[in-house]
């Protein structure tokens, strides 16, 4: 484990998303999640600012709470468009 990264208490891997969301300190700024793992869905849902998921195979749970961008399939256009919109706010 990297220095300064505390272990998150959890009750089995099924509760990892809750532990992650509870440990996260949100800011109103944008959040970019580069993973399709559904364990990030609760974190994305609770984030007060704009959220973007970058993944080629995002879980249904993530798709339900945030826009998905797949640069491999879609190119970088959708990703750069999201960044421009967020930065213009």
PDB file of N, CA and C in Angstrom:
ATOM      1  N   UNK A   1       0.858  -1.183   0.000  1.00  0.00           N
ATOM      2  CA  UNK A   1       0.000   0.000   0.000  1.00  0.00           C
ATOM      3  C   UNK A   1       0.896   1.236   0.000  1.00  0.00           C
ATOM      4  N   UNK A   2       0.517   2.246  -0.781  1.00  0.00           N
ATOM      5  CA  UNK A   2       1.302   3.467  -0.878  1.00  0.00           C
ATOM      6  C   UNK A   2       1.291   4.220   0.446  1.00  0.00           C
ATOM      7  N   UNK A   3       2.401   4.878   0.709  1.00  0.00           N
ATOM      8  CA  UNK A   3       2.516   5.665   1.929  1.00  0.00           C
ATOM      9  C   UNK A   3       1.450   6.760   1.931  1.00  0.00           C
ATOM     10  N   UNK A   4       0.786   6.962   3.056  1.00  0.00           N
ATOM     11  CA  UNK A   4      -0.228   7.994   3.186  1.00  0.00           C
ATOM     12  C   UNK A   4      -1.611   7.575   2.704  1.00  0.00           C
ATOM     13  N   UNK A   5      -1.753   6.371   2.216  1.00  0.00           N
ATOM     14  CA  UNK A   5      -3.060   5.878   1.761  1.00  0.00           C
ATOM     15  C   UNK A   5      -3.616   4.949   2.822  1.00  0.00           C
ATOM     16  N   UNK A   6      -4.578   5.413   3.579  1.00  0.00           N
ATOM     17  CA  UNK A   6      -5.109   4.564   4.648  1.00  0.00           C
ATOM     18  C   UNK A   6      -5.939   3.409   4.090  1.00  0.00           C
ATOM     19  N   UNK A   7      -5.956   2.327   4.825  1.00  0.00           N
ATOM     20  CA  UNK A   7      -6.827   1.204   4.472  1.00  0.00           C
ATOM     21  C   UNK A   7      -8.255   1.594   4.817  1.00  0.00           C
ATOM     22  N   UNK A   8      -9.174   1.230   3.977  1.00  0.00           N
ATOM     23  CA  UNK A   8     -10.577   1.548   4.219  1.00  0.00           C
ATOM     24  C   UNK A   8     -11.259   0.346   4.855  1.00  0.00           C
ATOM     25  N   UNK A   9     -11.894   0.542   6.002  1.00  0.00           N
ATOM     26  CA  UNK A   9     -12.603  -0.589   6.610  1.00  0.00           C
ATOM     27  C   UNK A   9     -13.810  -0.973   5.759  1.00  0.00           C
ATOM     28  N   UNK A  10     -14.058  -2.258   5.631  1.00  0.00           N
ATOM     29  CA  UNK A  10     -15.211  -2.714   4.859  1.00  0.00           C
ATOM     30  C   UNK A  10     -15.629  -4.085   5.366  1.00  0.00           C
ATOM     31  N   UNK A  11     -16.782  -4.487   4.969  1.00  0.00           N
ATOM     32  CA  UNK A  11     -17.313  -5.786   5.362  1.00  0.00           C
ATOM     33  C   UNK A  11     -17.434  -6.646   4.122  1.00  0.00           C
ATOM     34  N   UNK A  12     -16.329  -7.167   3.648  1.00  0.00           N
ATOM     35  CA  UNK A  12     -16.341  -7.958   2.426  1.00  0.00           C
ATOM     36  C   UNK A  12     -16.297  -7.065   1.209  1.00  0.00           C
ATOM     37  N   UNK A  13     -15.974  -7.628   0.095  1.00  0.00           N
ATOM     38  CA  UNK A  13     -15.833  -6.821  -1.114  1.00  0.00           C
ATOM     39  C   UNK A  13     -17.139  -6.199  -1.563  1.00  0.00           C
ATOM     40  N   UNK A  14     -18.267  -6.766  -1.173  1.00  0.00           N
ATOM     41  CA  UNK A  14     -19.553  -6.211  -1.580  1.00  0.00           C
ATOM     42  C   UNK A  14     -19.786  -4.814  -1.002  1.00  0.00           C
ATOM     43  N   UNK A  15     -19.127  -4.478   0.074  1.00  0.00           N
ATOM     44  CA  UNK A  15     -19.314  -3.174   0.711  1.00  0.00           C
ATOM     45  C   UNK A  15     -18.205  -2.193   0.356  1.00  0.00           C
ATOM     46  N   UNK A  16     -17.347  -2.550  -0.590  1.00  0.00           N
ATOM     47  CA  UNK A  16     -16.233  -1.683  -0.959  1.00  0.00           C
ATOM     48  C   UNK A  16     -16.726  -0.348  -1.504  1.00  0.00           C
ATOM     49  N   UNK A  17     -17.823  -0.344  -2.262  1.00  0.00           N
ATOM     50  CA  UNK A  17     -18.331   0.907  -2.817  1.00  0.00           C
ATOM     51  C   UNK A  17     -18.802   1.855  -1.720  1.00  0.00           C
ATOM     52  N   UNK A  18     -19.394   1.326  -0.677  1.00  0.00           N
ATOM     53  CA  UNK A  18     -19.853   2.165   0.441  1.00  0.00           C
ATOM     54  C   UNK A  18     -18.659   2.738   1.187  1.00  0.00           C
ATOM     55  N   UNK A  19     -17.649   1.910   1.454  1.00  0.00           N
ATOM     56  CA  UNK A  19     -16.453   2.382   2.157  1.00  0.00           C
ATOM     57  C   UNK A  19     -15.744   3.460   1.342  1.00  0.00           C
ATOM     58  N   UNK A  20     -15.652   3.271   0.041  1.00  0.00           N
ATOM     59  CA  UNK A  20     -15.002   4.247  -0.822  1.00  0.00           C
ATOM     60  C   UNK A  20     -15.775   5.562  -0.826  1.00  0.00           C
ATOM     61  N   UNK A  21     -17.078   5.498  -0.995  1.00  0.00           N
ATOM     62  CA  UNK A  21     -17.897   6.711  -1.020  1.00  0.00           C
ATOM     63  C   UNK A  21     -17.869   7.426   0.323  1.00  0.00           C
ATOM     64  N   UNK A  22     -17.873   6.687   1.415  1.00  0.00           N
ATOM     65  CA  UNK A  22     -17.835   7.305   2.738  1.00  0.00           C
ATOM     66  C   UNK A  22     -16.494   7.969   3.020  1.00  0.00           C
ATOM     67  N   UNK A  23     -15.398   7.408   2.499  1.00  0.00           N
ATOM     68  CA  UNK A  23     -14.063   7.943   2.747  1.00  0.00           C
ATOM     69  C   UNK A  23     -13.735   9.129   1.846  1.00  0.00           C
ATOM     70  N   UNK A  24     -14.455   9.281   0.752  1.00  0.00           N
ATOM     71  CA  UNK A  24     -14.186  10.330  -0.221  1.00  0.00           C
ATOM     72  C   UNK A  24     -14.642  11.681   0.311  1.00  0.00           C
ATOM     73  N   UNK A  25     -13.785  12.681   0.169  1.00  0.00           N
ATOM     74  CA  UNK A  25     -14.136  14.040   0.564  1.00  0.00           C
ATOM     75  C   UNK A  25     -14.457  14.814  -0.708  1.00  0.00           C
ATOM     76  N   UNK A  26     -15.728  15.001  -0.998  1.00  0.00           N
ATOM     77  CA  UNK A  26     -16.093  15.639  -2.266  1.00  0.00           C
ATOM     78  C   UNK A  26     -15.793  17.134  -2.287  1.00  0.00           C
ATOM     79  N   UNK A  27     -15.518  17.612  -3.470  1.00  0.00           N
ATOM     80  CA  UNK A  27     -15.390  19.039  -3.737  1.00  0.00           C
ATOM     81  C   UNK A  27     -16.380  19.337  -4.858  1.00  0.00           C
ATOM     82  N   UNK A  28     -16.777  20.584  -5.024  1.00  0.00           N
ATOM     83  CA  UNK A  28     -17.751  20.878  -6.072  1.00  0.00           C
ATOM     84  C   UNK A  28     -17.173  20.797  -7.489  1.00  0.00           C
ATOM     85  N   UNK A  29     -15.866  20.622  -7.598  1.00  0.00           N
ATOM     86  CA  UNK A  29     -15.233  20.551  -8.910  1.00  0.00           C
ATOM     87  C   UNK A  29     -15.566  19.264  -9.640  1.00  0.00           C
ATOM     88  N   UNK A  30     -15.101  19.154 -10.878  1.00  0.00           N
ATOM     89  CA  UNK A  30     -15.383  17.963 -11.679  1.00  0.00           C
ATOM     90  C   UNK A  30     -14.659  16.728 -11.146  1.00  0.00           C
ATOM     91  N   UNK A  31     -15.265  15.590 -11.375  1.00  0.00           N
ATOM     92  CA  UNK A  31     -14.690  14.298 -10.999  1.00  0.00           C
ATOM     93  C   UNK A  31     -14.651  13.431 -12.245  1.00  0.00           C
ATOM     94  N   UNK A  32     -13.473  12.941 -12.595  1.00  0.00           N
ATOM     95  CA  UNK A  32     -13.316  12.039 -13.730  1.00  0.00           C
ATOM     96  C   UNK A  32     -12.915  10.684 -13.168  1.00  0.00           C
ATOM     97  N   UNK A  33     -13.715   9.682 -13.436  1.00  0.00           N
ATOM     98  CA  UNK A  33     -13.442   8.319 -12.983  1.00  0.00           C
ATOM     99  C   UNK A  33     -12.971   7.527 -14.193  1.00  0.00           C
ATOM    100  N   UNK A  34     -11.762   7.033 -14.125  1.00  0.00           N
ATOM    101  CA  UNK A  34     -11.206   6.266 -15.233  1.00  0.00           C
ATOM    102  C   UNK A  34     -11.266   4.793 -14.836  1.00  0.00           C
ATOM    103  N   UNK A  35     -12.450   4.269 -14.880  1.00  0.00           N
ATOM    104  CA  UNK A  35     -12.715   2.883 -14.518  1.00  0.00           C
ATOM    105  C   UNK A  35     -14.169   2.575 -14.831  1.00  0.00           C
ATOM    106  N   UNK A  36     -14.429   1.348 -15.183  1.00  0.00           N
ATOM    107  CA  UNK A  36     -15.807   0.942 -15.413  1.00  0.00           C
ATOM    108  C   UNK A  36     -16.385   0.176 -14.243  1.00  0.00           C
ATOM    109  N   UNK A  37     -15.623   0.069 -13.174  1.00  0.00           N
ATOM    110  CA  UNK A  37     -16.018  -0.711 -12.010  1.00  0.00           C
ATOM    111  C   UNK A  37     -17.225  -0.082 -11.321  1.00  0.00           C
ATOM    112  N   UNK A  38     -18.251  -0.851 -11.140  1.00  0.00           N
ATOM    113  CA  UNK A  38     -19.474  -0.374 -10.490  1.00  0.00           C
ATOM    114  C   UNK A  38     -19.272   0.081  -9.067  1.00  0.00           C
ATOM    115  N   UNK A  39     -18.147  -0.300  -8.433  1.00  0.00           N
ATOM    116  CA  UNK A  39     -17.888   0.147  -7.072  1.00  0.00           C
ATOM    117  C   UNK A  39     -17.734   1.667  -6.990  1.00  0.00           C
ATOM    118  N   UNK A  40     -17.519   2.319  -8.112  1.00  0.00           N
ATOM    119  CA  UNK A  40     -17.402   3.770  -8.111  1.00  0.00           C
ATOM    120  C   UNK A  40     -18.750   4.467  -8.297  1.00  0.00           C
ATOM    121  N   UNK A  41     -19.823   3.718  -8.472  1.00  0.00           N
ATOM    122  CA  UNK A  41     -21.117   4.331  -8.767  1.00  0.00           C
ATOM    123  C   UNK A  41     -21.666   5.149  -7.605  1.00  0.00           C
ATOM    124  N   UNK A  42     -21.518   4.685  -6.401  1.00  0.00           N
ATOM    125  CA  UNK A  42     -22.020   5.434  -5.250  1.00  0.00           C
ATOM    126  C   UNK A  42     -21.225   6.726  -5.073  1.00  0.00           C
ATOM    127  N   UNK A  43     -19.922   6.646  -5.261  1.00  0.00           N
ATOM    128  CA  UNK A  43     -19.081   7.830  -5.185  1.00  0.00           C
ATOM    129  C   UNK A  43     -19.524   8.842  -6.246  1.00  0.00           C
ATOM    130  N   UNK A  44     -19.745   8.372  -7.473  1.00  0.00           N
ATOM    131  CA  UNK A  44     -20.183   9.256  -8.559  1.00  0.00           C
ATOM    132  C   UNK A  44     -21.551   9.863  -8.251  1.00  0.00           C
ATOM    133  N   UNK A  45     -22.458   9.079  -7.719  1.00  0.00           N
ATOM    134  CA  UNK A  45     -23.805   9.563  -7.418  1.00  0.00           C
ATOM    135  C   UNK A  45     -23.796  10.626  -6.321  1.00  0.00           C
ATOM    136  N   UNK A  46     -22.884  10.514  -5.383  1.00  0.00           N
ATOM    137  CA  UNK A  46     -22.824  11.456  -4.263  1.00  0.00           C
ATOM    138  C   UNK A  46     -22.024  12.719  -4.589  1.00  0.00           C
ATOM    139  N   UNK A  47     -21.256  12.703  -5.659  1.00  0.00           N
ATOM    140  CA  UNK A  47     -20.394  13.846  -5.968  1.00  0.00           C
ATOM    141  C   UNK A  47     -21.236  15.064  -6.336  1.00  0.00           C
ATOM    142  N   UNK A  48     -20.967  16.231  -5.714  1.00  0.00           N
ATOM    143  CA  UNK A  48     -21.799  17.408  -5.960  1.00  0.00           C
ATOM    144  C   UNK A  48     -21.523  18.121  -7.283  1.00  0.00           C
ATOM    145  N   UNK A  49     -20.402  17.839  -7.902  1.00  0.00           N
ATOM    146  CA  UNK A  49     -20.067  18.498  -9.161  1.00  0.00           C
ATOM    147  C   UNK A  49     -20.281  17.571 -10.344  1.00  0.00           C
ATOM    148  N   UNK A  50     -19.859  18.013 -11.527  1.00  0.00           N
ATOM    149  CA  UNK A  50     -20.008  17.178 -12.713  1.00  0.00           C
ATOM    150  C   UNK A  50     -19.115  15.941 -12.636  1.00  0.00           C
ATOM    151  N   UNK A  51     -19.623  14.837 -13.167  1.00  0.00           N
ATOM    152  CA  UNK A  51     -18.898  13.563 -13.140  1.00  0.00           C
ATOM    153  C   UNK A  51     -18.846  13.001 -14.551  1.00  0.00           C
ATOM    154  N   UNK A  52     -17.689  12.464 -14.922  1.00  0.00           N
ATOM    155  CA  UNK A  52     -17.521  11.783 -16.196  1.00  0.00           C
ATOM    156  C   UNK A  52     -16.811  10.467 -15.942  1.00  0.00           C
ATOM    157  N   UNK A  53     -17.276   9.410 -16.589  1.00  0.00           N
ATOM    158  CA  UNK A  53     -16.633   8.107 -16.488  1.00  0.00           C
ATOM    159  C   UNK A  53     -15.956   7.823 -17.828  1.00  0.00           C
ATOM    160  N   UNK A  54     -14.670   7.486 -17.766  1.00  0.00           N
ATOM    161  CA  UNK A  54     -13.909   7.120 -18.956  1.00  0.00           C
ATOM    162  C   UNK A  54     -13.674   5.620 -18.871  1.00  0.00           C
ATOM    163  N   UNK A  55     -14.326   4.890 -19.761  1.00  0.00           N
ATOM    164  CA  UNK A  55     -14.237   3.436 -19.712  1.00  0.00           C
ATOM    165  C   UNK A  55     -14.725   2.839 -21.016  1.00  0.00           C
ATOM    166  N   UNK A  56     -14.111   1.730 -21.387  1.00  0.00           N
ATOM    167  CA  UNK A  56     -14.618   1.026 -22.565  1.00  0.00           C
ATOM    168  C   UNK A  56     -15.716   0.039 -22.203  1.00  0.00           C
ATOM    169  N   UNK A  57     -15.859  -0.277 -20.929  1.00  0.00           N
ATOM    170  CA  UNK A  57     -16.883  -1.242 -20.509  1.00  0.00           C
ATOM    171  C   UNK A  57     -17.399  -0.874 -19.119  1.00  0.00           C
ATOM    172  N   UNK A  58     -18.102   0.243 -19.034  1.00  0.00           N
ATOM    173  CA  UNK A  58     -18.611   0.699 -17.741  1.00  0.00           C
ATOM    174  C   UNK A  58     -19.789  -0.157 -17.293  1.00  0.00           C
ATOM    175  N   UNK A  59     -19.869  -0.370 -15.993  1.00  0.00           N
ATOM    176  CA  UNK A  59     -20.971  -1.156 -15.432  1.00  0.00           C
ATOM    177  C   UNK A  59     -22.287  -0.403 -15.583  1.00  0.00           C
ATOM    178  N   UNK A  60     -23.365  -1.140 -15.496  1.00  0.00           N
ATOM    179  CA  UNK A  60     -24.697  -0.537 -15.548  1.00  0.00           C
ATOM    180  C   UNK A  60     -24.921   0.436 -14.416  1.00  0.00           C
ATOM    181  N   UNK A  61     -24.338   0.146 -13.254  1.00  0.00           N
ATOM    182  CA  UNK A  61     -24.496   1.052 -12.108  1.00  0.00           C
ATOM    183  C   UNK A  61     -23.863   2.404 -12.396  1.00  0.00           C
ATOM    184  N   UNK A  62     -22.691   2.425 -13.057  1.00  0.00           N
ATOM    185  CA  UNK A  62     -22.067   3.695 -13.411  1.00  0.00           C
ATOM    186  C   UNK A  62     -22.863   4.400 -14.503  1.00  0.00           C
ATOM    187  N   UNK A  63     -23.346   3.643 -15.468  1.00  0.00           N
ATOM    188  CA  UNK A  63     -24.116   4.235 -16.569  1.00  0.00           C
ATOM    189  C   UNK A  63     -25.385   4.923 -16.049  1.00  0.00           C
ATOM    190  N   UNK A  64     -25.881   4.476 -14.927  1.00  0.00           N
ATOM    191  CA  UNK A  64     -27.102   5.053 -14.365  1.00  0.00           C
ATOM    192  C   UNK A  64     -26.864   6.403 -13.694  1.00  0.00           C
ATOM    193  N   UNK A  65     -25.616   6.718 -13.355  1.00  0.00           N
ATOM    194  CA  UNK A  65     -25.369   7.936 -12.577  1.00  0.00           C
ATOM    195  C   UNK A  65     -24.454   8.952 -13.241  1.00  0.00           C
ATOM    196  N   UNK A  66     -23.797   8.591 -14.347  1.00  0.00           N
ATOM    197  CA  UNK A  66     -22.851   9.527 -14.965  1.00  0.00           C
ATOM    198  C   UNK A  66     -22.720   9.248 -16.459  1.00  0.00           C
ATOM    199  N   UNK A  67     -22.374  10.278 -17.217  1.00  0.00           N
ATOM    200  CA  UNK A  67     -22.117  10.033 -18.638  1.00  0.00           C
ATOM    201  C   UNK A  67     -20.843   9.203 -18.808  1.00  0.00           C
ATOM    202  N   UNK A  68     -20.833   8.383 -19.853  1.00  0.00           N
ATOM    203  CA  UNK A  68     -19.705   7.494 -20.127  1.00  0.00           C
ATOM    204  C   UNK A  68     -19.041   7.928 -21.429  1.00  0.00           C
ATOM    205  N   UNK A  69     -17.723   7.962 -21.422  1.00  0.00           N
ATOM    206  CA  UNK A  69     -16.952   8.259 -22.616  1.00  0.00           C
ATOM    207  C   UNK A  69     -15.983   7.104 -22.836  1.00  0.00           C
ATOM    208  N   UNK A  70     -15.934   6.614 -24.059  1.00  0.00           N
ATOM    209  CA  UNK A  70     -15.003   5.553 -24.437  1.00  0.00           C
ATOM    210  C   UNK A  70     -14.093   6.091 -25.535  1.00  0.00           C
ATOM    211  N   UNK A  71     -12.919   6.639 -25.167  1.00  0.00           N
ATOM    212  CA  UNK A  71     -12.042   7.224 -26.174  1.00  0.00           C
ATOM    213  C   UNK A  71     -11.554   6.227 -27.233  1.00  0.00           C
ATOM    214  N   UNK A  72     -11.503   4.960 -26.895  1.00  0.00           N
ATOM    215  CA  UNK A  72     -11.059   3.964 -27.865  1.00  0.00           C
ATOM    216  C   UNK A  72     -12.093   3.839 -28.985  1.00  0.00           C
ATOM    217  N   UNK A  73     -13.347   3.769 -28.618  1.00  0.00           N
ATOM    218  CA  UNK A  73     -14.421   3.607 -29.605  1.00  0.00           C
ATOM    219  C   UNK A  73     -14.863   4.946 -30.208  1.00  0.00           C
ATOM    220  N   UNK A  74     -14.974   5.966 -29.358  1.00  0.00           N
ATOM    221  CA  UNK A  74     -15.550   7.238 -29.782  1.00  0.00           C
ATOM    222  C   UNK A  74     -14.528   8.307 -30.152  1.00  0.00           C
ATOM    223  N   UNK A  75     -13.243   8.043 -29.932  1.00  0.00           N
ATOM    224  CA  UNK A  75     -12.219   9.066 -30.126  1.00  0.00           C
ATOM    225  C   UNK A  75     -12.216  10.019 -28.940  1.00  0.00           C
ATOM    226  N   UNK A  76     -11.422  11.059 -29.028  1.00  0.00           N
ATOM    227  CA  UNK A  76     -11.296  11.985 -27.898  1.00  0.00           C
ATOM    228  C   UNK A  76     -12.303  13.133 -27.959  1.00  0.00           C
ATOM    229  N   UNK A  77     -13.077  13.232 -29.035  1.00  0.00           N
ATOM    230  CA  UNK A  77     -14.045  14.326 -29.173  1.00  0.00           C
ATOM    231  C   UNK A  77     -15.006  14.460 -28.007  1.00  0.00           C
ATOM    232  N   UNK A  78     -15.711  13.387 -27.608  1.00  0.00           N
ATOM    233  CA  UNK A  78     -16.640  13.508 -26.482  1.00  0.00           C
ATOM    234  C   UNK A  78     -15.947  13.888 -25.167  1.00  0.00           C
ATOM    235  N   UNK A  79     -14.743  13.390 -24.966  1.00  0.00           N
ATOM    236  CA  UNK A  79     -13.992  13.714 -23.747  1.00  0.00           C
ATOM    237  C   UNK A  79     -13.612  15.193 -23.733  1.00  0.00           C
ATOM    238  N   UNK A  80     -13.064  15.686 -24.816  1.00  0.00           N
ATOM    239  CA  UNK A  80     -12.680  17.099 -24.859  1.00  0.00           C
ATOM    240  C   UNK A  80     -13.902  18.017 -24.817  1.00  0.00           C
ATOM    241  N   UNK A  81     -15.006  17.591 -25.406  1.00  0.00           N
ATOM    242  CA  UNK A  81     -16.230  18.394 -25.335  1.00  0.00           C
ATOM    243  C   UNK A  81     -16.712  18.514 -23.897  1.00  0.00           C
ATOM    244  N   UNK A  82     -16.680  17.414 -23.137  1.00  0.00           N
ATOM    245  CA  UNK A  82     -17.099  17.452 -21.729  1.00  0.00           C
ATOM    246  C   UNK A  82     -16.192  18.391 -20.944  1.00  0.00           C
ATOM    247  N   UNK A  83     -14.878  18.297 -21.164  1.00  0.00           N
ATOM    248  CA  UNK A  83     -13.935  19.154 -20.454  1.00  0.00           C
ATOM    249  C   UNK A  83     -14.215  20.622 -20.787  1.00  0.00           C
ATOM    250  N   UNK A  84     -14.460  20.936 -22.033  1.00  0.00           N
ATOM    251  CA  UNK A  84     -14.755  22.339 -22.423  1.00  0.00           C
ATOM    252  C   UNK A  84     -16.017  22.848 -21.739  1.00  0.00           C
ATOM    253  N   UNK A  85     -17.069  22.046 -21.719  1.00  0.00           N
ATOM    254  CA  UNK A  85     -18.324  22.457 -21.087  1.00  0.00           C
ATOM    255  C   UNK A  85     -18.105  22.697 -19.590  1.00  0.00           C
ATOM    256  N   UNK A  86     -17.398  21.785 -18.937  1.00  0.00           N
ATOM    257  CA  UNK A  86     -17.154  21.916 -17.500  1.00  0.00           C
ATOM    258  C   UNK A  86     -16.278  23.126 -17.199  1.00  0.00           C
ATOM    259  N   UNK A  87     -15.257  23.364 -18.006  1.00  0.00           N
ATOM    260  CA  UNK A  87     -14.363  24.491 -17.765  1.00  0.00           C
ATOM    261  C   UNK A  87     -15.048  25.837 -18.047  1.00  0.00           C
ATOM    262  N   UNK A  88     -16.066  25.851 -18.896  1.00  0.00           N
ATOM    263  CA  UNK A  88     -16.786  27.082 -19.202  1.00  0.00           C
ATOM    264  C   UNK A  88     -17.763  27.488 -18.106  1.00  0.00           C
ATOM    265  N   UNK A  89     -18.021  26.594 -17.150  1.00  0.00           N
ATOM    266  CA  UNK A  89     -18.982  26.898 -16.081  1.00  0.00           C
ATOM    267  C   UNK A  89     -18.433  27.946 -15.152  1.00  0.00           C
TER     268      UNK A  89
END
